Amino acid sequence: MTAADPVQQARSLAAAGRMPEAVGLLKKVGRLDIALDLRRGEVKQRPASAVAEHNLASILGDMGRAPEAEAAARRALAKGGEAPETWLVLARALLAQDRFDDAEKAYEQALSRRPAYAEAVRDLAQLIWMRTGDAEAALRPFQPALDAAPGAADLRIARATVMEYGGAAPDAVWSALQADGTDAGIELAATQAALGFDPARALDHARAAYALRPDMRTALKLAEVYLVVRQAQAALPLIEAVHVAQPADQSALGLLAVAWRQMDDPRAAALYDYGAMVRGWTIDTPAPWKTLPDYLRDLARSLRKLHRLTTHPLGQSLRHGTQTTASLLASRDPAIRAFFRAIDRPIRAHIAGLGSGDDPLRRRITGDYRLSGAWSVRLGAGGYHAAHVHPEGWLSSACYIDLPDAVDGADRQGWIGFGGPPFASDLPHQHFEKPEPGKLVLFPSYMWHGTIPFQGDQTRLTIAFDVVPA
């Protein structure tokens, strides 16, 4: 199948009146630009339609074009659209512009129309949490939602996430879920909670989730728990089945490396070939800046303006720090825009240096790339990233903009480590890279990586992004 085939197929679907399928296909292959053209055409064909404007707002939001998404959502509302989904799109567009008070009001408008709207409840709770760091306040939106829909699994799962990342004890999170063996999502959440205090119980929940819904997500979670209890032979068939069905799934590859490592299989070293696959590069100095330190100083100033929240988002690897709310790819700030010129040569050199091969990393090389998301993280004292992989990526990154003095110590504070999953303490990191201002570290997205916590009153400012073949 050529690269043009999915686009042509999507255009044919749209012409046949099957627009949701067309847009879904284009999202899957990363062609949001074509999806945007289709949605704009829909608005032209149906200028009075609030639904068409909503759909346009939604795709603009997916593309990180928040001001345009806001405008389209407001047009949908002006045309008579009152759907809670439109208020949710508007709220997310406002959040991406750091208009937090307006975003909260829009989330509340969505919930006034559908009190048990789990996505809106979750997003509102996360915004309250990131603004205040107050877990109790973040949990308040769940009570009226659960009063309206007491048995809603998606609400209970979202509440458990807030509890977990707000610092609740794992057994308290587990108790709040009320798992009863009837919902796969609840069983998955109970699995995660139980891992914090009873791996055997976690295994029971993972098996129940897989029995209820034997898909790739439940298979990988069950495999993960098998690895926690060091039953790699039981985990391996589950992981391999997902890998065969989805060869580019980075989560499966990450678990495959863990299983092989536990089994002393030499394939683990080939999959995690740090010498060939992980490398630090110095980014270029983009015009009109004359020196890299001058550029990094201005870039740091621009990034700090975006870090207006108090604490880390929910459900991610970040701890004791903040993350920007909108993709940096959509920024109009000159220093931030220049960053993407500064990294082009290192990215291309890294891809060229990988060479050719039929392994999961090299077989996807096409000769070109595109960026899939870009964000900034500011870590404070004790801040770190728990080890994780990037499920939708191909190459991932860490670019160091401003660093605390602690990174120069002998104990690797603030360094990035590779290879050690968060759920297997017997498998520590095998490779480390020391941060330096202007250093860009590139590595496979399937490679477990995390940050060593650091102490002191300084901050650690970075930009990260994912690279995918184009």
Protein backbone atom coordinates (compact mmCIF):
# COMPACT_ATOMS: atom_id res chain seq x y z
CA MET A 1 0.00 0.00 0.00
CA THR A 2 1.44 3.38 -0.93
CA ALA A 3 1.33 6.45 1.30
CA ALA A 4 -1.39 7.94 -0.94
CA ASP A 5 -3.76 5.00 -0.62
CA PRO A 6 -5.26 5.86 2.81
CA VAL A 7 -5.80 9.46 1.72
CA GLN A 8 -7.58 8.39 -1.44
CA GLN A 9 -9.62 5.90 0.50
CA ALA A 10 -10.62 8.62 2.98
CA ARG A 11 -11.64 10.97 0.18
CA SER A 12 -13.78 8.21 -1.30
CA LEU A 13 -15.43 7.58 2.06
CA ALA A 14 -16.16 11.28 2.46
CA ALA A 15 -17.64 11.48 -1.05
CA ALA A 16 -19.90 8.57 -0.14
CA GLY A 17 -21.20 10.46 2.89
CA ARG A 18 -19.16 8.44 5.39
CA MET A 19 -17.31 11.38 6.88
CA PRO A 20 -16.67 9.97 10.40
CA GLU A 21 -14.97 6.93 8.87
CA ALA A 22 -12.93 9.14 6.55
CA VAL A 23 -11.73 11.36 9.37
CA GLY A 24 -11.00 8.36 11.58
CA LEU A 25 -8.83 6.84 8.87
CA LEU A 26 -6.96 10.09 8.33
CA LYS A 27 -6.31 10.44 12.06
CA LYS A 28 -4.95 6.90 12.13
CA VAL A 29 -2.40 7.64 9.41
CA GLY A 30 -1.51 11.07 10.78
CA ARG A 31 -3.05 13.13 7.97
CA LEU A 32 -4.96 15.65 10.02
CA ASP A 33 -4.30 18.24 7.32
CA ILE A 34 -6.53 16.32 4.90
CA ALA A 35 -9.12 15.77 7.63
CA LEU A 36 -9.16 19.53 8.23
CA ASP A 37 -9.80 20.16 4.52
CA LEU A 38 -12.73 17.76 4.63
CA ARG A 39 -14.20 19.38 7.73
CA ARG A 40 -13.81 22.86 6.23
CA GLY A 41 -15.61 21.63 3.11
CA GLU A 42 -18.39 20.31 5.30
CA VAL A 43 -18.89 23.75 6.85
CA LYS A 44 -19.04 25.36 3.38
CA GLN A 45 -21.65 22.84 2.26
CA ARG A 46 -23.73 23.28 5.43
CA PRO A 47 -23.10 26.87 6.59
CA ALA A 48 -25.98 26.88 9.06
CA SER A 49 -24.98 23.59 10.70
CA ALA A 50 -23.81 23.70 14.31
CA VAL A 51 -22.68 20.08 13.97
CA ALA A 52 -20.39 20.91 11.06
CA GLU A 53 -18.82 23.74 13.05
CA HIS A 54 -18.41 21.43 16.04
CA ASN A 55 -16.65 18.85 13.89
CA LEU A 56 -14.34 21.54 12.54
CA ALA A 57 -13.58 22.75 16.07
CA SER A 58 -12.78 19.19 17.12
CA ILE A 59 -10.23 18.56 14.36
CA LEU A 60 -8.63 21.97 14.95
CA GLY A 61 -8.30 21.04 18.62
CA ASP A 62 -6.66 17.74 17.68
CA MET A 63 -4.16 19.72 15.60
CA GLY A 64 -3.27 22.01 18.49
CA ARG A 65 -4.75 25.06 16.77
CA ALA A 66 -6.49 26.26 19.89
CA PRO A 67 -7.55 29.81 18.91
CA GLU A 68 -9.15 28.50 15.71
CA ALA A 69 -10.78 25.64 17.63
CA GLU A 70 -12.22 28.14 20.09
CA ALA A 71 -13.61 30.29 17.28
CA ALA A 72 -15.24 27.31 15.55
CA ALA A 73 -16.73 26.04 18.82
CA ARG A 74 -18.20 29.45 19.54
CA ARG A 75 -19.67 29.56 16.04
CA ALA A 76 -21.26 26.17 16.70
CA LEU A 77 -22.81 27.50 19.89
CA ALA A 78 -24.00 30.63 18.09
CA LYS A 79 -25.67 28.45 15.46
CA GLY A 80 -27.75 26.76 18.12
CA GLY A 81 -25.41 23.98 19.14
CA GLU A 82 -25.78 23.23 22.85
CA ALA A 83 -24.23 19.78 22.96
CA PRO A 84 -21.98 19.11 25.96
CA GLU A 85 -19.41 17.81 23.47
CA THR A 86 -19.12 21.30 21.98
CA TRP A 87 -18.60 22.84 25.40
CA LEU A 88 -15.89 20.23 26.03
CA VAL A 89 -14.11 21.13 22.79
CA LEU A 90 -14.33 24.79 23.77
CA ALA A 91 -13.01 24.10 27.28
CA ARG A 92 -10.01 22.22 25.90
CA ALA A 93 -9.28 25.02 23.45
CA LEU A 94 -9.36 27.55 26.28
CA LEU A 95 -7.13 25.35 28.44
CA ALA A 96 -4.60 25.10 25.62
CA GLN A 97 -4.46 28.91 25.63
CA ASP A 98 -3.84 28.94 29.41
CA ARG A 99 -7.19 30.63 30.04
CA PHE A 100 -7.86 28.51 33.06
CA ASP A 101 -10.83 30.37 34.59
CA ASP A 102 -12.65 30.39 31.24
CA ALA A 103 -11.84 26.71 30.73
CA GLU A 104 -13.30 25.76 34.12
CA LYS A 105 -16.51 27.63 33.27
CA ALA A 106 -16.78 25.83 29.94
CA TYR A 107 -16.28 22.43 31.61
CA GLU A 108 -19.03 23.35 34.06
CA GLN A 109 -21.31 24.26 31.13
CA ALA A 110 -20.69 20.81 29.64
CA LEU A 111 -21.55 19.18 32.97
CA SER A 112 -24.68 21.29 33.45
CA ARG A 113 -25.95 19.64 30.27
CA ARG A 114 -24.71 16.13 31.09
CA PRO A 115 -23.81 15.75 34.78
CA ALA A 116 -22.24 12.31 34.34
CA TYR A 117 -20.09 13.29 31.32
CA ALA A 118 -16.96 11.40 32.33
CA GLU A 119 -14.54 13.16 29.94
CA ALA A 120 -15.61 16.58 31.19
CA VAL A 121 -15.46 15.51 34.84
CA ARG A 122 -12.00 14.04 34.36
CA ASP A 123 -10.69 17.11 32.52
CA LEU A 124 -12.15 19.52 35.07
CA ALA A 125 -10.70 17.49 37.94
CA GLN A 126 -7.30 17.48 36.27
CA LEU A 127 -7.38 21.23 35.73
CA ILE A 128 -8.28 21.84 39.37
CA TRP A 129 -5.50 19.48 40.45
CA MET A 130 -2.85 21.05 38.20
CA ARG A 131 -3.85 24.57 39.30
CA THR A 132 -3.99 23.87 43.03
CA GLY A 133 -2.25 20.59 43.84
CA ASP A 134 -5.29 19.95 46.06
CA ALA A 135 -6.49 16.37 45.59
CA GLU A 136 -9.60 16.92 47.72
CA ALA A 137 -10.69 19.85 45.55
CA ALA A 138 -9.96 17.87 42.39
CA LEU A 139 -12.22 15.06 43.58
CA ARG A 140 -15.25 17.29 44.22
CA PRO A 141 -16.60 17.23 40.63
CA PHE A 142 -17.03 13.48 40.89
CA GLN A 143 -19.71 13.49 43.59
CA PRO A 144 -22.55 15.10 41.57
CA ALA A 145 -21.53 13.03 38.55
CA LEU A 146 -21.68 9.79 40.53
CA ASP A 147 -24.96 10.88 42.13
CA ALA A 148 -26.35 11.14 38.59
CA ALA A 149 -24.83 7.82 37.47
CA PRO A 150 -23.81 5.78 40.54
CA GLY A 151 -22.63 2.75 38.60
CA ALA A 152 -20.69 4.55 35.86
CA ALA A 153 -17.42 2.68 35.39
CA ASP A 154 -15.70 5.47 33.48
CA LEU A 155 -16.36 7.90 36.34
CA ARG A 156 -15.02 5.52 38.95
CA ILE A 157 -11.92 4.87 36.86
CA ALA A 158 -11.29 8.59 36.42
CA ARG A 159 -11.78 9.18 40.15
CA ALA A 160 -9.26 6.44 40.91
CA THR A 161 -6.72 8.17 38.66
CA VAL A 162 -7.16 11.45 40.54
CA MET A 163 -6.77 9.61 43.84
CA GLU A 164 -3.64 7.79 42.67
CA TYR A 165 -1.84 10.83 41.31
CA GLY A 166 -3.07 12.95 44.21
CA GLY A 167 -1.17 10.72 46.62
CA ALA A 168 -3.82 8.35 47.97
CA ALA A 169 -2.62 4.99 49.27
CA PRO A 170 -2.92 2.19 46.68
CA ASP A 171 -5.27 0.16 48.88
CA ALA A 172 -7.57 3.18 49.24
CA VAL A 173 -7.65 3.61 45.47
CA TRP A 174 -8.40 -0.10 45.09
CA SER A 175 -11.24 0.04 47.63
CA ALA A 176 -12.83 3.03 45.90
CA LEU A 177 -13.02 1.16 42.60
CA GLN A 178 -15.37 -1.54 43.93
CA ALA A 179 -14.25 -4.08 41.36
CA ASP A 180 -16.75 -6.91 41.00
CA GLY A 181 -15.59 -8.80 37.94
CA THR A 182 -18.15 -7.32 35.56
CA ASP A 183 -16.29 -4.46 33.83
CA ALA A 184 -12.91 -4.81 32.12
CA GLY A 185 -12.00 -1.16 32.62
CA ILE A 186 -12.63 -1.35 36.36
CA GLU A 187 -10.60 -4.54 36.55
CA LEU A 188 -7.70 -2.85 34.74
CA ALA A 189 -7.78 0.08 37.15
CA ALA A 190 -7.99 -2.32 40.10
CA THR A 191 -4.97 -4.13 38.67
CA GLN A 192 -2.95 -0.92 38.70
CA ALA A 193 -4.00 -0.05 42.25
CA ALA A 194 -3.35 -3.54 43.59
CA LEU A 195 0.17 -3.54 42.16
CA GLY A 196 1.01 -1.04 44.89
CA PHE A 197 0.24 -3.41 47.75
CA ASP A 198 -0.61 -6.94 46.58
CA PRO A 199 0.80 -8.24 43.25
CA ALA A 200 -1.07 -11.55 43.61
CA ARG A 201 -4.36 -9.65 43.83
CA ALA A 202 -3.28 -7.53 40.86
CA LEU A 203 -2.78 -10.72 38.86
CA ASP A 204 -6.32 -11.85 39.69
CA HIS A 205 -7.72 -8.53 38.46
CA ALA A 206 -5.59 -8.60 35.29
CA ARG A 207 -6.81 -12.10 34.49
CA ALA A 208 -10.40 -10.97 35.06
CA ALA A 209 -9.93 -7.97 32.76
CA TYR A 210 -8.50 -10.16 30.02
CA ALA A 211 -11.32 -12.70 30.38
CA LEU A 212 -13.93 -9.94 30.10
CA ARG A 213 -12.27 -8.19 27.16
CA PRO A 214 -9.40 -10.09 25.53
CA ASP A 215 -7.95 -7.20 23.52
CA MET A 216 -4.44 -5.77 23.19
CA ARG A 217 -4.77 -3.43 26.15
CA THR A 218 -5.83 -6.12 28.60
CA ALA A 219 -3.29 -8.56 27.16
CA LEU A 220 -0.41 -6.15 27.74
CA LYS A 221 -1.56 -5.33 31.27
CA LEU A 222 -1.81 -9.01 32.11
CA ALA A 223 1.65 -9.52 30.63
CA GLU A 224 3.00 -6.65 32.73
CA VAL A 225 1.67 -8.22 35.93
CA TYR A 226 3.17 -11.57 34.96
CA LEU A 227 6.50 -9.75 34.65
CA VAL A 228 6.01 -8.14 38.06
CA VAL A 229 5.68 -11.60 39.62
CA ARG A 230 8.55 -12.84 37.43
CA GLN A 231 6.54 -15.19 35.23
CA ALA A 232 8.12 -14.11 31.96
CA GLN A 233 7.22 -17.38 30.24
CA ALA A 234 3.53 -16.67 30.87
CA ALA A 235 3.88 -13.05 29.73
CA LEU A 236 5.73 -13.77 26.50
CA PRO A 237 2.88 -15.29 24.41
CA LEU A 238 0.60 -12.38 25.27
CA ILE A 239 3.22 -9.82 24.28
CA GLU A 240 4.18 -11.65 21.09
CA ALA A 241 0.54 -11.87 19.98
CA VAL A 242 0.18 -8.09 20.29
CA HIS A 243 3.50 -7.53 18.54
CA VAL A 244 2.42 -9.69 15.60
CA ALA A 245 -0.90 -7.84 15.32
CA GLN A 246 0.64 -4.38 15.81
CA PRO A 247 4.38 -4.45 15.00
CA ALA A 248 4.75 -0.72 15.67
CA ASP A 249 3.16 -0.84 19.13
CA GLN A 250 5.88 0.58 21.37
CA SER A 251 4.31 -0.70 24.60
CA ALA A 252 4.53 -4.29 23.39
CA LEU A 253 8.16 -3.82 22.40
CA GLY A 254 8.97 -2.36 25.79
CA LEU A 255 7.43 -5.33 27.57
CA LEU A 256 9.15 -7.70 25.16
CA ALA A 257 12.51 -6.28 26.23
CA VAL A 258 11.62 -6.83 29.90
CA ALA A 259 10.53 -10.43 29.32
CA TRP A 260 13.68 -11.23 27.37
CA ARG A 261 15.84 -9.59 29.99
CA GLN A 262 14.21 -11.62 32.77
CA MET A 263 14.81 -14.76 30.72
CA ASP A 264 18.45 -13.83 29.96
CA ASP A 265 17.56 -13.91 26.28
CA PRO A 266 20.25 -12.22 24.13
CA ARG A 267 17.54 -10.62 22.01
CA ALA A 268 17.03 -8.09 24.83
CA ALA A 269 20.46 -6.60 24.20
CA ALA A 270 19.79 -6.33 20.47
CA LEU A 271 16.46 -4.58 21.05
CA TYR A 272 18.07 -2.24 23.59
CA ASP A 273 21.34 -1.57 21.80
CA TYR A 274 22.20 1.60 23.69
CA GLY A 275 25.44 2.24 21.83
CA ALA A 276 23.72 2.30 18.45
CA MET A 277 20.25 3.55 19.35
CA VAL A 278 20.74 6.21 22.06
CA ARG A 279 22.75 9.29 21.30
CA GLY A 280 23.12 12.85 22.52
CA TRP A 281 23.41 15.66 20.00
CA THR A 282 24.01 19.38 20.35
CA ILE A 283 21.22 21.33 18.70
CA ASP A 284 22.06 23.99 16.13
CA THR A 285 22.03 27.70 16.87
CA PRO A 286 19.09 28.99 14.83
CA ALA A 287 19.19 32.37 13.12
CA PRO A 288 19.13 35.16 14.14
CA TRP A 289 20.85 34.10 17.36
CA LYS A 290 24.65 34.25 17.28
CA THR A 291 25.48 31.75 20.02
CA LEU A 292 23.74 28.72 21.49
CA PRO A 293 23.80 30.06 25.09
CA ASP A 294 22.07 33.24 23.91
CA TYR A 295 19.42 31.21 22.15
CA LEU A 296 18.86 28.87 25.10
CA ARG A 297 18.47 31.86 27.42
CA ASP A 298 15.71 33.32 25.24
CA LEU A 299 14.08 29.92 24.72
CA ALA A 300 14.04 29.31 28.47
CA ARG A 301 12.40 32.70 29.01
CA SER A 302 9.67 31.87 26.49
CA LEU A 303 9.06 28.43 27.96
CA ARG A 304 8.83 29.64 31.54
CA LYS A 305 5.96 31.92 30.54
CA LEU A 306 4.00 28.80 29.58
CA HIS A 307 4.54 27.01 32.90
CA ARG A 308 1.68 28.64 34.78
CA LEU A 309 0.29 25.58 36.55
CA THR A 310 1.22 24.27 39.99
CA THR A 311 1.74 20.55 39.62
CA HIS A 312 1.91 17.55 37.31
CA PRO A 313 -0.91 16.26 35.10
CA LEU A 314 -2.78 13.04 35.84
CA GLY A 315 -1.97 9.70 34.29
CA GLN A 316 1.51 10.61 33.07
CA SER A 317 5.09 9.93 34.11
CA LEU A 318 5.80 13.41 35.46
CA ARG A 319 6.06 13.96 39.22
CA HIS A 320 6.72 17.21 41.11
CA GLY A 321 6.75 19.45 38.10
CA THR A 322 4.60 21.07 35.44
CA GLN A 323 3.95 20.45 31.76
CA THR A 324 2.77 22.88 29.10
CA THR A 325 -0.88 22.54 28.18
CA ALA A 326 -0.66 23.03 24.41
CA SER A 327 1.59 21.48 21.80
CA LEU A 328 4.65 23.63 21.17
CA LEU A 329 4.24 22.82 17.48
CA ALA A 330 1.44 25.39 17.35
CA SER A 331 3.39 28.13 19.14
CA ARG A 332 3.97 31.47 17.44
CA ASP A 333 6.73 32.51 19.83
CA PRO A 334 9.89 33.15 17.74
CA ALA A 335 12.24 31.31 20.08
CA ILE A 336 9.98 28.27 20.31
CA ARG A 337 9.40 28.18 16.55
CA ALA A 338 13.16 28.38 16.00
CA PHE A 339 13.63 25.28 18.14
CA PHE A 340 12.20 23.09 15.41
CA ARG A 341 14.81 24.41 12.97
CA ALA A 342 17.53 23.81 15.55
CA ILE A 343 16.69 20.12 15.92
CA ASP A 344 16.21 19.20 12.26
CA ARG A 345 19.83 18.40 11.48
CA PRO A 346 20.39 16.30 14.64
CA ILE A 347 17.22 14.29 13.98
CA ARG A 348 18.20 13.56 10.41
CA ALA A 349 21.74 12.69 11.43
CA HIS A 350 20.46 10.35 14.12
CA ILE A 351 18.16 8.53 11.70
CA ALA A 352 20.95 8.23 9.13
CA GLY A 353 23.30 6.90 11.79
CA LEU A 354 20.94 4.06 12.66
CA GLY A 355 21.72 2.42 9.33
CA SER A 356 19.42 -0.20 7.86
CA GLY A 357 17.98 -3.40 9.22
CA ASP A 358 14.83 -5.41 9.78
CA ASP A 359 14.62 -4.85 13.53
CA PRO A 360 11.58 -2.97 14.93
CA LEU A 361 13.39 0.37 14.93
CA ARG A 362 15.25 0.41 11.61
CA ARG A 363 12.63 -1.26 9.44
CA ARG A 364 10.43 1.83 9.83
CA ILE A 365 13.00 4.22 8.39
CA THR A 366 11.59 6.04 5.36
CA GLY A 367 14.17 8.78 4.85
CA ASP A 368 11.91 11.48 6.26
CA TYR A 369 10.14 12.25 9.53
CA ARG A 370 7.50 14.37 11.18
CA LEU A 371 7.03 15.43 14.78
CA SER A 372 4.11 14.03 16.73
CA GLY A 373 3.55 16.36 19.65
CA ALA A 374 6.04 18.59 21.46
CA TRP A 375 5.84 19.82 25.03
CA SER A 376 7.93 21.35 27.78
CA VAL A 377 8.45 20.06 31.32
CA ARG A 378 9.71 22.00 34.31
CA LEU A 379 10.79 19.84 37.24
CA GLY A 380 11.22 21.21 40.75
CA ALA A 381 13.00 19.80 43.78
CA GLY A 382 12.46 16.06 44.00
CA GLY A 383 11.03 16.08 40.50
CA TYR A 384 11.39 13.17 38.13
CA HIS A 385 9.80 11.13 35.40
CA ALA A 386 8.78 7.60 36.35
CA ALA A 387 10.15 5.15 33.79
CA HIS A 388 7.84 4.85 30.81
CA VAL A 389 7.65 4.30 27.06
CA HIS A 390 5.86 6.36 24.39
CA PRO A 391 3.22 4.04 22.88
CA GLU A 392 2.53 6.09 19.74
CA GLY A 393 6.08 7.18 18.95
CA TRP A 394 9.03 5.85 17.00
CA LEU A 395 11.88 8.00 18.27
CA SER A 396 11.50 9.98 21.48
CA SER A 397 13.58 12.76 22.94
CA ALA A 398 14.76 14.90 25.80
CA CYS A 399 16.28 18.29 25.03
CA TYR A 400 17.83 20.19 27.93
CA ILE A 401 17.25 23.93 28.03
CA ASP A 402 18.13 24.98 31.60
CA LEU A 403 19.51 22.74 34.33
CA PRO A 404 20.08 22.64 38.09
CA ASP A 405 23.60 22.42 39.45
CA ALA A 406 22.72 18.99 40.87
CA VAL A 407 23.25 17.33 37.46
CA ASP A 408 27.00 17.81 37.86
CA GLY A 409 27.18 15.63 40.96
CA ALA A 410 28.47 12.07 41.10
CA ASP A 411 25.06 10.56 41.95
CA ARG A 412 23.39 11.28 38.56
CA GLN A 413 20.68 13.53 39.96
CA GLY A 414 18.52 14.82 37.11
CA TRP A 415 20.04 12.42 34.57
CA ILE A 416 17.98 10.32 32.18
CA GLY A 417 18.26 6.56 32.66
CA PHE A 418 17.33 3.81 30.21
CA GLY A 419 16.23 0.20 30.45
CA GLY A 420 14.63 -0.15 33.86
CA PRO A 421 10.83 -0.53 33.91
CA PRO A 422 8.97 0.97 36.90
CA PHE A 423 7.39 -2.34 37.87
CA ALA A 424 10.54 -4.51 38.13
CA SER A 425 12.97 -3.28 40.77
CA ASP A 426 15.28 -6.19 39.97
CA LEU A 427 15.93 -4.71 36.53
CA PRO A 428 17.68 -1.35 37.04
CA HIS A 429 18.58 1.15 34.36
CA GLN A 430 21.49 0.02 32.20
CA HIS A 431 22.45 3.26 30.48
CA PHE A 432 22.50 6.92 31.49
CA GLU A 433 22.90 10.23 29.69
CA LYS A 434 24.05 13.35 31.51
CA PRO A 435 22.01 16.46 30.72
CA GLU A 436 23.83 19.45 29.29
CA PRO A 437 22.37 22.75 28.04
CA GLY A 438 21.47 22.37 24.36
CA LYS A 439 21.87 18.59 24.39
CA LEU A 440 19.21 16.58 22.55
CA VAL A 441 19.01 12.90 23.47
CA LEU A 442 17.23 10.70 20.92
CA PHE A 443 16.22 7.09 21.54
CA PRO A 444 13.62 4.48 20.52
CA SER A 445 10.16 5.20 21.86
CA TYR A 446 9.87 1.60 23.09
CA MET A 447 12.86 2.02 25.41
CA TRP A 448 12.04 2.39 29.10
CA HIS A 449 13.37 5.74 30.29
CA GLY A 450 12.99 7.92 33.35
CA THR A 451 14.63 10.73 35.28
CA ILE A 452 16.66 10.39 38.46
CA PRO A 453 15.15 12.75 41.09
CA PHE A 454 17.20 15.78 42.03
CA GLN A 455 17.31 18.02 45.07
CA GLY A 456 17.80 21.73 45.59
CA ASP A 457 15.83 24.87 44.89
CA GLN A 458 16.60 25.09 41.17
CA THR A 459 14.48 23.80 38.27
CA ARG A 460 15.15 21.54 35.31
CA LEU A 461 13.64 22.82 32.05
CA THR A 462 13.30 20.57 29.00
CA ILE A 463 11.48 20.11 25.72
CA ALA A 464 10.38 16.67 24.57
CA PHE A 465 8.77 15.43 21.39
CA ASP A 466 8.11 12.25 19.47
CA VAL A 467 9.36 11.55 15.95
CA VAL A 468 7.45 9.29 13.56
CA PRO A 469 8.30 8.23 10.00
CA ALA A 470 6.85 10.43 7.26
